[in-house]
Amino acid sequence: MVLPMVMRNTCVSHSNGIIRVLKTCNHSSPKLAKLAIRGQLSLFLGAGISVGSGLPTWFQFLHLLEDLFTATGAPGERCLGDKHNWDPLAMADELRGICENQKD
């Protein structure tokens, strides 16, 4: 079940189809562990969770890909963001097309 709102720093527990909001995530590790063991803990993590481990953001990744297909690979040659009004799906779609048309 997906909650109809974004709740940051909020713990949610579910049991028998009932969802309980457990205030903010100031609960102790044992409390969270018990919920997990009972199968009543779900994590909703955004894509940005991997940034802390050094992986690029979505836009950084698109920029890295775009740099592979510019003449010198310099950031100054990037144009997809402006061209597609910073729509990441449109940027990725054009990069896909560029990749498909490149010779190995």
N, C-alpha and C. Protein backbone atom coordinates (compact mmCIF):
# COMPACT_ATOMS: atom_id res chain seq x y z
N MET A 1 0.85 -1.18 0.00
CA MET A 1 0.00 0.00 0.00
C MET A 1 0.89 1.24 0.00
N VAL A 2 0.59 2.20 -0.85
CA VAL A 2 1.35 3.43 -0.93
C VAL A 2 0.57 4.53 -0.22
N LEU A 3 1.26 5.23 0.66
CA LEU A 3 0.59 6.33 1.36
C LEU A 3 0.41 7.50 0.40
N PRO A 4 -0.70 8.21 0.48
CA PRO A 4 -0.98 9.28 -0.48
C PRO A 4 -0.25 10.58 -0.19
N MET A 5 0.76 10.55 0.65
CA MET A 5 1.48 11.79 0.95
C MET A 5 2.94 11.44 1.23
N VAL A 6 3.78 12.41 1.13
CA VAL A 6 5.19 12.22 1.44
C VAL A 6 5.38 12.54 2.92
N MET A 7 5.98 11.61 3.63
CA MET A 7 6.21 11.82 5.05
C MET A 7 7.69 11.63 5.31
N ARG A 8 8.38 12.71 5.57
CA ARG A 8 9.81 12.63 5.84
C ARG A 8 10.05 12.33 7.32
N ASN A 9 11.06 11.53 7.56
CA ASN A 9 11.44 11.16 8.93
C ASN A 9 10.25 10.60 9.71
N THR A 10 9.44 9.82 9.06
CA THR A 10 8.25 9.26 9.70
C THR A 10 8.31 7.75 9.63
N CYS A 11 8.02 7.11 10.74
CA CYS A 11 7.95 5.65 10.78
C CYS A 11 6.50 5.23 10.66
N VAL A 12 6.26 4.21 9.87
CA VAL A 12 4.92 3.70 9.66
C VAL A 12 4.93 2.21 9.93
N SER A 13 3.95 1.73 10.68
CA SER A 13 3.82 0.31 10.96
C SER A 13 2.50 -0.17 10.38
N HIS A 14 2.48 -1.42 9.91
CA HIS A 14 1.22 -1.97 9.39
C HIS A 14 1.00 -3.37 9.95
N SER A 15 -0.23 -3.66 10.24
CA SER A 15 -0.60 -4.98 10.74
C SER A 15 -2.04 -5.25 10.33
N ASN A 16 -2.27 -6.38 9.71
CA ASN A 16 -3.62 -6.76 9.26
C ASN A 16 -4.27 -5.68 8.40
N GLY A 17 -3.48 -5.07 7.54
CA GLY A 17 -4.00 -4.06 6.65
C GLY A 17 -4.21 -2.70 7.28
N ILE A 18 -3.86 -2.55 8.56
CA ILE A 18 -4.02 -1.26 9.24
C ILE A 18 -2.66 -0.58 9.30
N ILE A 19 -2.62 0.67 8.89
CA ILE A 19 -1.37 1.42 8.90
C ILE A 19 -1.38 2.38 10.06
N ARG A 20 -0.31 2.35 10.83
CA ARG A 20 -0.15 3.28 11.95
C ARG A 20 1.07 4.15 11.70
N VAL A 21 0.93 5.43 11.89
CA VAL A 21 2.05 6.35 11.81
C VAL A 21 2.66 6.44 13.20
N LEU A 22 3.95 6.17 13.31
CA LEU A 22 4.61 6.11 14.60
C LEU A 22 5.42 7.37 14.89
N LYS A 23 4.81 8.51 14.73
CA LYS A 23 5.48 9.80 14.98
C LYS A 23 6.72 9.91 14.10
N THR A 24 7.68 10.67 14.53
CA THR A 24 8.93 10.77 13.77
C THR A 24 9.85 9.64 14.17
N CYS A 25 10.84 9.39 13.39
CA CYS A 25 11.73 8.25 13.59
C CYS A 25 12.73 8.48 14.71
N ASN A 26 12.25 8.69 15.90
CA ASN A 26 13.10 8.78 17.07
C ASN A 26 13.02 7.51 17.88
N HIS A 27 12.49 6.45 17.29
CA HIS A 27 12.35 5.19 18.00
C HIS A 27 13.69 4.52 18.15
N SER A 28 13.82 3.76 19.18
CA SER A 28 15.06 3.05 19.43
C SER A 28 15.23 1.93 18.41
N SER A 29 16.45 1.52 18.20
CA SER A 29 16.72 0.41 17.29
C SER A 29 15.99 -0.86 17.68
N PRO A 30 15.90 -1.20 18.98
CA PRO A 30 15.15 -2.41 19.34
C PRO A 30 13.69 -2.36 18.91
N LYS A 31 13.05 -1.20 19.04
CA LYS A 31 11.64 -1.06 18.63
C LYS A 31 11.50 -1.30 17.13
N LEU A 32 12.40 -0.69 16.35
CA LEU A 32 12.35 -0.88 14.91
C LEU A 32 12.67 -2.33 14.54
N ALA A 33 13.61 -2.93 15.25
CA ALA A 33 13.96 -4.34 14.99
C ALA A 33 12.76 -5.25 15.25
N LYS A 34 12.03 -5.00 16.32
CA LYS A 34 10.84 -5.81 16.64
C LYS A 34 9.80 -5.69 15.53
N LEU A 35 9.58 -4.46 15.06
CA LEU A 35 8.63 -4.28 13.96
C LEU A 35 9.07 -5.04 12.72
N ALA A 36 10.37 -4.99 12.43
CA ALA A 36 10.89 -5.69 11.25
C ALA A 36 10.72 -7.20 11.40
N ILE A 37 11.03 -7.74 12.56
CA ILE A 37 10.90 -9.18 12.80
C ILE A 37 9.46 -9.64 12.63
N ARG A 38 8.51 -8.80 13.07
CA ARG A 38 7.09 -9.15 12.93
C ARG A 38 6.56 -8.88 11.53
N GLY A 39 7.41 -8.38 10.67
CA GLY A 39 6.97 -8.08 9.30
C GLY A 39 6.10 -6.86 9.23
N GLN A 40 6.26 -5.93 10.18
CA GLN A 40 5.42 -4.75 10.24
C GLN A 40 6.20 -3.46 9.95
N LEU A 41 7.36 -3.58 9.34
CA LEU A 41 8.17 -2.40 9.05
C LEU A 41 8.45 -2.35 7.57
N SER A 42 8.17 -1.23 6.96
CA SER A 42 8.48 -1.02 5.55
C SER A 42 9.31 0.24 5.42
N LEU A 43 10.31 0.18 4.57
CA LEU A 43 11.13 1.35 4.32
C LEU A 43 10.75 1.95 2.99
N PHE A 44 10.56 3.23 2.97
CA PHE A 44 10.31 3.97 1.75
C PHE A 44 11.50 4.90 1.57
N LEU A 45 12.38 4.54 0.67
CA LEU A 45 13.61 5.30 0.47
C LEU A 45 13.59 5.94 -0.90
N GLY A 46 13.93 7.20 -0.93
CA GLY A 46 13.99 7.91 -2.19
C GLY A 46 15.28 7.60 -2.93
N ALA A 47 15.32 8.01 -4.18
CA ALA A 47 16.49 7.74 -5.01
C ALA A 47 17.74 8.40 -4.46
N GLY A 48 17.61 9.46 -3.71
CA GLY A 48 18.76 10.17 -3.17
C GLY A 48 19.48 9.44 -2.06
N ILE A 49 18.94 8.32 -1.60
CA ILE A 49 19.56 7.59 -0.51
C ILE A 49 20.96 7.11 -0.88
N SER A 50 21.21 6.84 -2.14
CA SER A 50 22.51 6.32 -2.58
C SER A 50 23.56 7.41 -2.72
N VAL A 51 23.16 8.67 -2.72
CA VAL A 51 24.11 9.77 -2.89
C VAL A 51 25.15 9.77 -1.77
N GLY A 52 24.75 9.45 -0.56
CA GLY A 52 25.67 9.42 0.56
C GLY A 52 26.78 8.40 0.41
N SER A 53 26.56 7.39 -0.44
CA SER A 53 27.58 6.37 -0.65
C SER A 53 28.47 6.71 -1.85
N GLY A 54 28.27 7.89 -2.41
CA GLY A 54 29.14 8.33 -3.50
C GLY A 54 28.58 8.14 -4.90
N LEU A 55 27.39 7.55 -5.01
CA LEU A 55 26.80 7.40 -6.34
C LEU A 55 26.24 8.74 -6.81
N PRO A 56 26.22 8.97 -8.12
CA PRO A 56 25.75 10.26 -8.62
C PRO A 56 24.23 10.41 -8.50
N THR A 57 23.78 11.66 -8.44
CA THR A 57 22.35 11.94 -8.53
C THR A 57 21.91 11.63 -9.96
N TRP A 58 20.62 11.64 -10.19
CA TRP A 58 20.08 11.36 -11.52
C TRP A 58 20.66 12.36 -12.54
N PHE A 59 20.65 13.65 -12.21
CA PHE A 59 21.17 14.65 -13.15
C PHE A 59 22.68 14.51 -13.33
N GLN A 60 23.41 14.21 -12.27
CA GLN A 60 24.85 14.00 -12.41
C GLN A 60 25.13 12.81 -13.33
N PHE A 61 24.33 11.76 -13.18
CA PHE A 61 24.49 10.58 -14.05
C PHE A 61 24.21 10.95 -15.50
N LEU A 62 23.14 11.70 -15.75
CA LEU A 62 22.82 12.11 -17.12
C LEU A 62 23.94 12.97 -17.68
N HIS A 63 24.51 13.85 -16.86
CA HIS A 63 25.63 14.69 -17.32
C HIS A 63 26.85 13.83 -17.66
N LEU A 64 27.14 12.83 -16.83
CA LEU A 64 28.27 11.95 -17.12
C LEU A 64 28.06 11.23 -18.45
N LEU A 65 26.85 10.75 -18.69
CA LEU A 65 26.55 10.10 -19.97
C LEU A 65 26.67 11.08 -21.13
N GLU A 66 26.13 12.26 -20.94
CA GLU A 66 26.18 13.26 -22.02
C GLU A 66 27.63 13.59 -22.36
N ASP A 67 28.48 13.70 -21.34
CA ASP A 67 29.88 14.03 -21.56
C ASP A 67 30.59 12.99 -22.44
N LEU A 68 30.11 11.74 -22.40
CA LEU A 68 30.70 10.69 -23.23
C LEU A 68 30.48 10.93 -24.72
N PHE A 69 29.44 11.72 -25.05
CA PHE A 69 29.07 11.88 -26.45
C PHE A 69 29.28 13.30 -26.98
N THR A 70 30.00 14.13 -26.22
CA THR A 70 30.36 15.46 -26.73
C THR A 70 31.76 15.39 -27.31
N ALA A 71 32.14 16.40 -28.06
CA ALA A 71 33.43 16.38 -28.76
C ALA A 71 34.61 16.20 -27.81
N THR A 72 34.64 16.96 -26.72
CA THR A 72 35.79 16.89 -25.81
C THR A 72 35.44 16.31 -24.45
N GLY A 73 34.16 16.13 -24.17
CA GLY A 73 33.74 15.65 -22.86
C GLY A 73 33.73 16.73 -21.80
N ALA A 74 33.87 17.97 -22.23
CA ALA A 74 33.90 19.09 -21.28
C ALA A 74 32.49 19.45 -20.86
N PRO A 75 32.29 19.78 -19.57
CA PRO A 75 30.95 20.16 -19.09
C PRO A 75 30.35 21.34 -19.86
N GLY A 76 31.18 22.22 -20.41
CA GLY A 76 30.68 23.37 -21.16
C GLY A 76 29.95 23.00 -22.43
N GLU A 77 30.13 21.77 -22.87
CA GLU A 77 29.46 21.32 -24.11
C GLU A 77 28.07 20.75 -23.86
N ARG A 78 27.68 20.61 -22.64
CA ARG A 78 26.37 20.04 -22.32
C ARG A 78 25.25 20.95 -22.81
N CYS A 79 24.22 20.34 -23.39
CA CYS A 79 23.08 21.15 -23.85
C CYS A 79 21.73 20.47 -23.59
N LEU A 80 21.73 19.19 -23.20
CA LEU A 80 20.46 18.47 -23.07
C LEU A 80 19.54 19.06 -22.01
N GLY A 81 20.10 19.53 -20.91
CA GLY A 81 19.26 20.10 -19.85
C GLY A 81 18.44 21.27 -20.35
N ASP A 82 19.13 22.23 -20.98
CA ASP A 82 18.43 23.40 -21.51
C ASP A 82 17.50 23.02 -22.66
N LYS A 83 17.95 22.11 -23.50
CA LYS A 83 17.16 21.70 -24.67
C LYS A 83 15.84 21.06 -24.26
N HIS A 84 15.85 20.30 -23.16
CA HIS A 84 14.65 19.57 -22.74
C HIS A 84 14.03 20.15 -21.48
N ASN A 85 14.32 21.41 -21.19
CA ASN A 85 13.73 22.10 -20.03
C ASN A 85 13.96 21.30 -18.74
N TRP A 86 15.12 20.67 -18.66
CA TRP A 86 15.55 19.90 -17.48
C TRP A 86 14.60 18.77 -17.11
N ASP A 87 13.93 18.21 -18.11
CA ASP A 87 13.09 17.03 -17.91
C ASP A 87 14.00 15.80 -18.01
N PRO A 88 14.25 15.11 -16.88
CA PRO A 88 15.22 14.01 -16.91
C PRO A 88 14.83 12.86 -17.83
N LEU A 89 13.54 12.60 -17.98
CA LEU A 89 13.13 11.51 -18.87
C LEU A 89 13.38 11.85 -20.32
N ALA A 90 13.13 13.11 -20.69
CA ALA A 90 13.41 13.54 -22.07
C ALA A 90 14.91 13.54 -22.33
N MET A 91 15.68 13.96 -21.34
CA MET A 91 17.14 13.95 -21.48
C MET A 91 17.64 12.51 -21.67
N ALA A 92 17.14 11.59 -20.84
CA ALA A 92 17.56 10.20 -20.93
C ALA A 92 17.13 9.58 -22.25
N ASP A 93 15.95 9.94 -22.75
CA ASP A 93 15.46 9.40 -24.01
C ASP A 93 16.36 9.84 -25.16
N GLU A 94 16.78 11.11 -25.16
CA GLU A 94 17.67 11.56 -26.22
C GLU A 94 19.04 10.87 -26.11
N LEU A 95 19.53 10.72 -24.89
CA LEU A 95 20.80 10.01 -24.72
C LEU A 95 20.71 8.57 -25.21
N ARG A 96 19.56 7.93 -24.97
CA ARG A 96 19.36 6.57 -25.48
C ARG A 96 19.46 6.56 -27.00
N GLY A 97 18.81 7.53 -27.63
CA GLY A 97 18.87 7.62 -29.08
C GLY A 97 20.29 7.86 -29.59
N ILE A 98 21.04 8.70 -28.90
CA ILE A 98 22.43 8.97 -29.28
C ILE A 98 23.25 7.69 -29.16
N CYS A 99 23.06 6.97 -28.06
CA CYS A 99 23.80 5.72 -27.83
C CYS A 99 23.50 4.69 -28.92
N GLU A 100 22.24 4.59 -29.28
CA GLU A 100 21.84 3.60 -30.28
C GLU A 100 22.43 3.92 -31.65
N ASN A 101 22.67 5.20 -31.93
CA ASN A 101 23.18 5.61 -33.24
C ASN A 101 24.71 5.65 -33.31
N GLN A 102 25.38 5.41 -32.18
CA GLN A 102 26.84 5.43 -32.14
C GLN A 102 27.39 4.09 -32.61
N LYS A 103 28.50 4.18 -33.32
CA LYS A 103 29.21 2.95 -33.69
C LYS A 103 30.11 2.56 -32.54
N ASP A 104 30.28 1.26 -32.36
CA ASP A 104 31.14 0.77 -31.27
C ASP A 104 32.59 1.11 -31.51
